Amino acid sequence: MKKTPLLNAAISQVIASMGHGDTIVIGDAGLPAPPGVPVIDLAVTRGLPDFMSVLKAVLTELEVEYHVVAAELVGRSSGLAGQIESLGLPARQLLPHEEFKQRTRNARAFIRTGECSPYANIILASGVVF
């Protein structure tokens, strides 16, 4: 059995297959999944699982070089923006939401949560551990 907290096999498999600069999206229940990007749908009901729990689990396995969030997150979900900021992720990029959605098209995978807070979405770019 794995030693890390992340138990979802599909998410672990995607992370293990990522190279430097590849991206993965963690999205709220309303963010549209781009055509052609594999979806790992974790949503069970409104709020389950929540965005932060999924993000924290993913971060136990993924080395992050930079992350991208929608600029609207700060104004519409300031509490969530603060929680993300408190994680100490490197190199935050802010994009308008429409541009953020376009960037999701290049992701290796799209993880859908049950989160229903506005703009509760993030793109994580894989770094290297050496």
N, C-alpha and C. Protein backbone atom coordinates (compact mmCIF):
# COMPACT_ATOMS: atom_id res chain seq x y z
N MET A 1 0.84 -1.19 0.00
CA MET A 1 0.00 0.00 0.00
C MET A 1 0.89 1.25 0.00
N LYS A 2 0.39 2.28 -0.62
CA LYS A 2 1.14 3.54 -0.72
C LYS A 2 1.37 4.15 0.65
N LYS A 3 2.47 4.90 0.77
CA LYS A 3 2.77 5.61 2.00
C LYS A 3 2.25 7.04 2.00
N THR A 4 2.05 7.59 0.81
CA THR A 4 1.58 8.98 0.74
C THR A 4 0.07 9.03 0.97
N PRO A 5 -0.44 10.18 1.40
CA PRO A 5 -1.87 10.29 1.70
C PRO A 5 -2.81 10.14 0.49
N LEU A 6 -2.34 10.42 -0.72
CA LEU A 6 -3.19 10.35 -1.90
C LEU A 6 -3.49 8.90 -2.26
N LEU A 7 -4.77 8.51 -2.19
CA LEU A 7 -5.18 7.14 -2.45
C LEU A 7 -5.80 6.93 -3.82
N ASN A 8 -6.21 7.99 -4.49
CA ASN A 8 -6.88 7.85 -5.78
C ASN A 8 -5.88 7.39 -6.84
N ALA A 9 -6.11 6.20 -7.37
CA ALA A 9 -5.18 5.59 -8.32
C ALA A 9 -5.07 6.39 -9.61
N ALA A 10 -6.17 6.91 -10.10
CA ALA A 10 -6.14 7.66 -11.36
C ALA A 10 -5.32 8.94 -11.22
N ILE A 11 -5.47 9.63 -10.11
CA ILE A 11 -4.70 10.86 -9.90
C ILE A 11 -3.22 10.52 -9.74
N SER A 12 -2.90 9.51 -8.96
CA SER A 12 -1.50 9.10 -8.78
C SER A 12 -0.87 8.71 -10.11
N GLN A 13 -1.62 8.02 -10.94
CA GLN A 13 -1.10 7.59 -12.23
C GLN A 13 -0.77 8.80 -13.12
N VAL A 14 -1.66 9.78 -13.14
CA VAL A 14 -1.41 10.98 -13.95
C VAL A 14 -0.17 11.70 -13.44
N ILE A 15 -0.07 11.88 -12.13
CA ILE A 15 1.08 12.58 -11.56
C ILE A 15 2.37 11.84 -11.90
N ALA A 16 2.35 10.51 -11.79
CA ALA A 16 3.54 9.72 -12.10
C ALA A 16 3.95 9.84 -13.56
N SER A 17 3.00 10.13 -14.44
CA SER A 17 3.30 10.22 -15.87
C SER A 17 3.68 11.63 -16.32
N MET A 18 3.57 12.61 -15.42
CA MET A 18 3.84 14.00 -15.81
C MET A 18 5.34 14.27 -15.91
N GLY A 19 5.68 15.09 -16.89
CA GLY A 19 7.04 15.57 -17.05
C GLY A 19 7.12 17.03 -16.67
N HIS A 20 8.32 17.58 -16.70
CA HIS A 20 8.54 18.97 -16.35
C HIS A 20 7.70 19.90 -17.23
N GLY A 21 6.89 20.71 -16.60
CA GLY A 21 6.06 21.68 -17.32
C GLY A 21 4.67 21.19 -17.68
N ASP A 22 4.42 19.88 -17.57
CA ASP A 22 3.06 19.39 -17.80
C ASP A 22 2.13 19.96 -16.75
N THR A 23 0.85 20.10 -17.10
CA THR A 23 -0.10 20.68 -16.16
C THR A 23 -1.26 19.75 -15.85
N ILE A 24 -1.83 19.98 -14.68
CA ILE A 24 -3.02 19.28 -14.24
C ILE A 24 -3.96 20.33 -13.67
N VAL A 25 -5.26 20.16 -13.90
CA VAL A 25 -6.27 21.12 -13.45
C VAL A 25 -7.07 20.49 -12.32
N ILE A 26 -7.31 21.27 -11.27
CA ILE A 26 -8.28 20.90 -10.25
C ILE A 26 -9.38 21.94 -10.36
N GLY A 27 -10.60 21.48 -10.65
CA GLY A 27 -11.68 22.40 -10.92
C GLY A 27 -12.87 22.23 -10.01
N ASP A 28 -13.65 23.29 -9.90
CA ASP A 28 -14.89 23.22 -9.15
C ASP A 28 -15.95 22.48 -9.97
N ALA A 29 -17.13 22.34 -9.41
CA ALA A 29 -18.18 21.57 -10.06
C ALA A 29 -18.67 22.20 -11.36
N GLY A 30 -18.43 23.50 -11.55
CA GLY A 30 -18.95 24.18 -12.72
C GLY A 30 -17.97 24.43 -13.84
N LEU A 31 -16.67 24.24 -13.60
CA LEU A 31 -15.69 24.51 -14.65
C LEU A 31 -15.83 23.48 -15.76
N PRO A 32 -16.02 23.93 -17.00
CA PRO A 32 -16.16 22.94 -18.08
C PRO A 32 -14.84 22.24 -18.37
N ALA A 33 -14.93 20.93 -18.52
CA ALA A 33 -13.75 20.15 -18.89
C ALA A 33 -13.52 20.33 -20.38
N PRO A 34 -12.29 20.64 -20.77
CA PRO A 34 -12.02 20.83 -22.19
C PRO A 34 -12.08 19.51 -22.95
N PRO A 35 -12.56 19.54 -24.18
CA PRO A 35 -12.62 18.33 -25.00
C PRO A 35 -11.23 17.71 -25.14
N GLY A 36 -11.17 16.40 -25.01
CA GLY A 36 -9.94 15.68 -25.21
C GLY A 36 -9.05 15.54 -23.99
N VAL A 37 -9.34 16.28 -22.91
CA VAL A 37 -8.55 16.17 -21.69
C VAL A 37 -9.24 15.16 -20.78
N PRO A 38 -8.52 14.12 -20.34
CA PRO A 38 -9.14 13.11 -19.47
C PRO A 38 -9.66 13.74 -18.18
N VAL A 39 -10.87 13.35 -17.80
CA VAL A 39 -11.50 13.87 -16.59
C VAL A 39 -11.49 12.80 -15.50
N ILE A 40 -11.04 13.20 -14.33
CA ILE A 40 -11.14 12.37 -13.14
C ILE A 40 -12.21 13.04 -12.29
N ASP A 41 -13.42 12.51 -12.35
CA ASP A 41 -14.57 13.16 -11.72
C ASP A 41 -14.74 12.62 -10.31
N LEU A 42 -14.42 13.46 -9.33
CA LEU A 42 -14.56 13.10 -7.93
C LEU A 42 -15.85 13.63 -7.31
N ALA A 43 -16.57 14.50 -8.03
CA ALA A 43 -17.75 15.15 -7.48
C ALA A 43 -18.81 14.14 -7.07
N VAL A 44 -19.28 14.26 -5.84
CA VAL A 44 -20.32 13.38 -5.30
C VAL A 44 -21.59 14.17 -5.09
N THR A 45 -21.47 15.32 -4.47
CA THR A 45 -22.58 16.21 -4.21
C THR A 45 -22.00 17.60 -3.97
N ARG A 46 -22.84 18.61 -3.84
CA ARG A 46 -22.35 19.98 -3.62
C ARG A 46 -21.39 20.00 -2.44
N GLY A 47 -20.15 20.40 -2.72
CA GLY A 47 -19.15 20.54 -1.67
C GLY A 47 -18.34 19.30 -1.36
N LEU A 48 -18.69 18.17 -1.94
CA LEU A 48 -17.95 16.93 -1.66
C LEU A 48 -17.39 16.33 -2.93
N PRO A 49 -16.10 16.10 -3.00
CA PRO A 49 -15.11 16.62 -2.07
C PRO A 49 -14.87 18.10 -2.32
N ASP A 50 -14.38 18.77 -1.30
CA ASP A 50 -14.12 20.20 -1.45
C ASP A 50 -12.78 20.42 -2.16
N PHE A 51 -12.64 21.56 -2.74
CA PHE A 51 -11.47 21.93 -3.53
C PHE A 51 -10.17 21.82 -2.73
N MET A 52 -10.14 22.40 -1.53
CA MET A 52 -8.90 22.44 -0.76
C MET A 52 -8.43 21.05 -0.35
N SER A 53 -9.35 20.15 -0.01
CA SER A 53 -8.94 18.79 0.36
C SER A 53 -8.28 18.08 -0.82
N VAL A 54 -8.84 18.26 -2.00
CA VAL A 54 -8.26 17.62 -3.19
C VAL A 54 -6.91 18.25 -3.51
N LEU A 55 -6.84 19.57 -3.46
CA LEU A 55 -5.57 20.25 -3.73
C LEU A 55 -4.48 19.78 -2.77
N LYS A 56 -4.79 19.74 -1.49
CA LYS A 56 -3.78 19.32 -0.52
C LYS A 56 -3.33 17.88 -0.76
N ALA A 57 -4.26 17.01 -1.13
CA ALA A 57 -3.89 15.62 -1.41
C ALA A 57 -2.98 15.53 -2.63
N VAL A 58 -3.30 16.26 -3.68
CA VAL A 58 -2.48 16.27 -4.89
C VAL A 58 -1.07 16.78 -4.58
N LEU A 59 -0.99 17.79 -3.73
CA LEU A 59 0.31 18.37 -3.40
C LEU A 59 1.22 17.43 -2.62
N THR A 60 0.66 16.35 -2.06
CA THR A 60 1.52 15.38 -1.36
C THR A 60 2.36 14.58 -2.34
N GLU A 61 2.00 14.59 -3.63
CA GLU A 61 2.74 13.82 -4.63
C GLU A 61 3.34 14.66 -5.75
N LEU A 62 2.79 15.82 -6.01
CA LEU A 62 3.22 16.60 -7.18
C LEU A 62 4.19 17.70 -6.79
N GLU A 63 5.33 17.74 -7.46
CA GLU A 63 6.27 18.85 -7.32
C GLU A 63 5.77 19.96 -8.24
N VAL A 64 5.46 21.12 -7.67
CA VAL A 64 4.86 22.22 -8.42
C VAL A 64 5.90 23.29 -8.74
N GLU A 65 5.98 23.66 -10.01
CA GLU A 65 6.87 24.74 -10.43
C GLU A 65 6.16 26.09 -10.38
N TYR A 66 4.90 26.11 -10.81
CA TYR A 66 4.09 27.32 -10.73
C TYR A 66 2.63 26.91 -10.75
N HIS A 67 1.77 27.85 -10.37
CA HIS A 67 0.33 27.59 -10.41
C HIS A 67 -0.39 28.78 -11.00
N VAL A 68 -1.56 28.50 -11.55
CA VAL A 68 -2.36 29.52 -12.23
C VAL A 68 -3.76 29.50 -11.63
N VAL A 69 -4.27 30.69 -11.31
CA VAL A 69 -5.65 30.84 -10.87
C VAL A 69 -6.28 32.00 -11.63
N ALA A 70 -7.60 32.03 -11.64
CA ALA A 70 -8.30 33.13 -12.29
C ALA A 70 -8.19 34.38 -11.42
N ALA A 71 -7.98 35.50 -12.05
CA ALA A 71 -7.87 36.77 -11.32
C ALA A 71 -9.15 37.05 -10.52
N GLU A 72 -10.28 36.57 -11.00
CA GLU A 72 -11.56 36.80 -10.33
C GLU A 72 -11.66 36.09 -8.98
N LEU A 73 -10.83 35.08 -8.76
CA LEU A 73 -10.86 34.33 -7.50
C LEU A 73 -10.68 35.25 -6.31
N VAL A 74 -9.75 36.18 -6.39
CA VAL A 74 -9.44 37.06 -5.26
C VAL A 74 -10.65 37.89 -4.85
N GLY A 75 -11.39 38.41 -5.82
CA GLY A 75 -12.55 39.25 -5.51
C GLY A 75 -13.80 38.47 -5.13
N ARG A 76 -13.99 37.29 -5.69
CA ARG A 76 -15.22 36.54 -5.49
C ARG A 76 -15.14 35.48 -4.40
N SER A 77 -13.95 34.95 -4.15
CA SER A 77 -13.76 33.91 -3.13
C SER A 77 -12.46 34.20 -2.38
N SER A 78 -12.43 35.34 -1.70
CA SER A 78 -11.19 35.79 -1.07
C SER A 78 -10.70 34.82 0.01
N GLY A 79 -11.62 34.17 0.72
CA GLY A 79 -11.21 33.19 1.73
C GLY A 79 -10.47 32.03 1.12
N LEU A 80 -10.98 31.52 0.02
CA LEU A 80 -10.33 30.42 -0.69
C LEU A 80 -9.00 30.87 -1.27
N ALA A 81 -8.96 32.07 -1.81
CA ALA A 81 -7.70 32.61 -2.34
C ALA A 81 -6.65 32.66 -1.23
N GLY A 82 -7.05 33.07 -0.03
CA GLY A 82 -6.13 33.11 1.10
C GLY A 82 -5.65 31.74 1.51
N GLN A 83 -6.54 30.74 1.45
CA GLN A 83 -6.15 29.38 1.79
C GLN A 83 -5.12 28.84 0.79
N ILE A 84 -5.34 29.12 -0.48
CA ILE A 84 -4.37 28.70 -1.50
C ILE A 84 -3.03 29.39 -1.25
N GLU A 85 -3.07 30.68 -0.99
CA GLU A 85 -1.85 31.45 -0.75
C GLU A 85 -1.09 30.91 0.46
N SER A 86 -1.81 30.47 1.48
CA SER A 86 -1.17 29.97 2.71
C SER A 86 -0.40 28.67 2.48
N LEU A 87 -0.65 28.00 1.38
CA LEU A 87 0.06 26.75 1.08
C LEU A 87 1.50 27.00 0.63
N GLY A 88 1.80 28.23 0.28
CA GLY A 88 3.16 28.57 -0.12
C GLY A 88 3.57 28.02 -1.48
N LEU A 89 2.61 27.87 -2.36
CA LEU A 89 2.92 27.39 -3.71
C LEU A 89 3.80 28.40 -4.45
N PRO A 90 4.70 27.92 -5.29
CA PRO A 90 5.57 28.85 -6.01
C PRO A 90 4.87 29.55 -7.18
N ALA A 91 5.34 30.71 -7.49
CA ALA A 91 5.06 31.45 -8.72
C ALA A 91 3.60 31.45 -9.15
N ARG A 92 2.79 32.23 -8.48
CA ARG A 92 1.37 32.34 -8.87
C ARG A 92 1.23 33.21 -10.11
N GLN A 93 0.41 32.73 -11.04
CA GLN A 93 0.03 33.50 -12.22
C GLN A 93 -1.47 33.76 -12.13
N LEU A 94 -1.86 35.00 -12.38
CA LEU A 94 -3.27 35.36 -12.42
C LEU A 94 -3.68 35.61 -13.86
N LEU A 95 -4.78 34.97 -14.28
CA LEU A 95 -5.30 35.16 -15.63
C LEU A 95 -6.78 35.47 -15.56
N PRO A 96 -7.31 36.24 -16.50
CA PRO A 96 -8.76 36.38 -16.58
C PRO A 96 -9.39 34.99 -16.76
N HIS A 97 -10.57 34.79 -16.20
CA HIS A 97 -11.19 33.47 -16.18
C HIS A 97 -11.31 32.85 -17.58
N GLU A 98 -11.66 33.64 -18.57
CA GLU A 98 -11.79 33.09 -19.92
C GLU A 98 -10.45 32.59 -20.45
N GLU A 99 -9.38 33.31 -20.15
CA GLU A 99 -8.04 32.86 -20.57
C GLU A 99 -7.63 31.63 -19.76
N PHE A 100 -7.99 31.61 -18.47
CA PHE A 100 -7.72 30.43 -17.64
C PHE A 100 -8.35 29.19 -18.27
N LYS A 101 -9.62 29.30 -18.67
CA LYS A 101 -10.30 28.16 -19.28
C LYS A 101 -9.59 27.70 -20.56
N GLN A 102 -9.07 28.61 -21.34
CA GLN A 102 -8.33 28.24 -22.55
C GLN A 102 -7.06 27.47 -22.19
N ARG A 103 -6.39 27.87 -21.11
CA ARG A 103 -5.16 27.18 -20.69
C ARG A 103 -5.43 25.75 -20.23
N THR A 104 -6.65 25.46 -19.78
CA THR A 104 -6.95 24.10 -19.32
C THR A 104 -6.92 23.10 -20.48
N ARG A 105 -7.00 23.57 -21.70
CA ARG A 105 -7.01 22.69 -22.88
C ARG A 105 -5.72 21.89 -23.04
N ASN A 106 -4.64 22.38 -22.44
CA ASN A 106 -3.34 21.73 -22.59
C ASN A 106 -3.01 20.81 -21.41
N ALA A 107 -3.94 20.62 -20.49
CA ALA A 107 -3.67 19.83 -19.29
C ALA A 107 -3.58 18.34 -19.59
N ARG A 108 -2.81 17.64 -18.78
CA ARG A 108 -2.73 16.18 -18.87
C ARG A 108 -3.98 15.53 -18.31
N ALA A 109 -4.62 16.21 -17.32
CA ALA A 109 -5.87 15.70 -16.73
C ALA A 109 -6.61 16.83 -16.06
N PHE A 110 -7.90 16.61 -15.90
CA PHE A 110 -8.81 17.57 -15.28
C PHE A 110 -9.49 16.85 -14.12
N ILE A 111 -9.26 17.31 -12.91
CA ILE A 111 -9.87 16.71 -11.72
C ILE A 111 -11.06 17.57 -11.31
N ARG A 112 -12.25 17.00 -11.37
CA ARG A 112 -13.46 17.74 -10.98
C ARG A 112 -13.80 17.43 -9.52
N THR A 113 -14.00 18.50 -8.75
CA THR A 113 -14.41 18.36 -7.35
C THR A 113 -15.89 18.71 -7.23
N GLY A 114 -16.41 18.60 -6.03
CA GLY A 114 -17.78 19.01 -5.77
C GLY A 114 -17.88 20.44 -5.28
N GLU A 115 -16.77 21.16 -5.34
CA GLU A 115 -16.72 22.54 -4.83
C GLU A 115 -17.67 23.43 -5.60
N CYS A 116 -18.38 24.31 -4.87
CA CYS A 116 -19.31 25.23 -5.51
C CYS A 116 -19.00 26.69 -5.18
N SER A 117 -17.78 26.98 -4.76
CA SER A 117 -17.34 28.36 -4.55
C SER A 117 -16.92 28.93 -5.89
N PRO A 118 -17.23 30.22 -6.14
CA PRO A 118 -16.86 30.82 -7.43
C PRO A 118 -15.35 30.79 -7.68
N TYR A 119 -14.98 30.38 -8.87
CA TYR A 119 -13.61 30.40 -9.36
C TYR A 119 -12.66 29.51 -8.55
N ALA A 120 -13.16 28.44 -7.97
CA ALA A 120 -12.35 27.51 -7.19
C ALA A 120 -11.66 26.53 -8.14
N ASN A 121 -10.70 27.04 -8.87
CA ASN A 121 -9.99 26.27 -9.90
C ASN A 121 -8.52 26.62 -9.86
N ILE A 122 -7.68 25.65 -10.22
CA ILE A 122 -6.25 25.90 -10.25
C ILE A 122 -5.60 25.02 -11.31
N ILE A 123 -4.58 25.56 -11.94
CA ILE A 123 -3.73 24.80 -12.84
C ILE A 123 -2.39 24.67 -12.13
N LEU A 124 -1.91 23.43 -12.01
CA LEU A 124 -0.62 23.17 -11.39
C LEU A 124 0.35 22.67 -12.46
N ALA A 125 1.51 23.32 -12.54
CA ALA A 125 2.54 22.90 -13.49
C ALA A 125 3.59 22.09 -12.77
N SER A 126 3.92 20.97 -13.33
CA SER A 126 4.88 20.05 -12.74
C SER A 126 6.30 20.61 -12.77
N GLY A 127 6.95 20.51 -11.63
CA GLY A 127 8.35 20.87 -11.55
C GLY A 127 9.19 19.60 -11.57
N VAL A 128 10.43 19.73 -11.17
CA VAL A 128 11.31 18.56 -11.07
C VAL A 128 11.86 18.50 -9.64
N VAL A 129 12.19 17.30 -9.20
CA VAL A 129 12.66 17.12 -7.83
C VAL A 129 14.19 17.05 -7.76
N PHE A 130 14.86 17.27 -8.88
CA PHE A 130 16.33 17.25 -8.87
C PHE A 130 16.88 18.53 -9.42
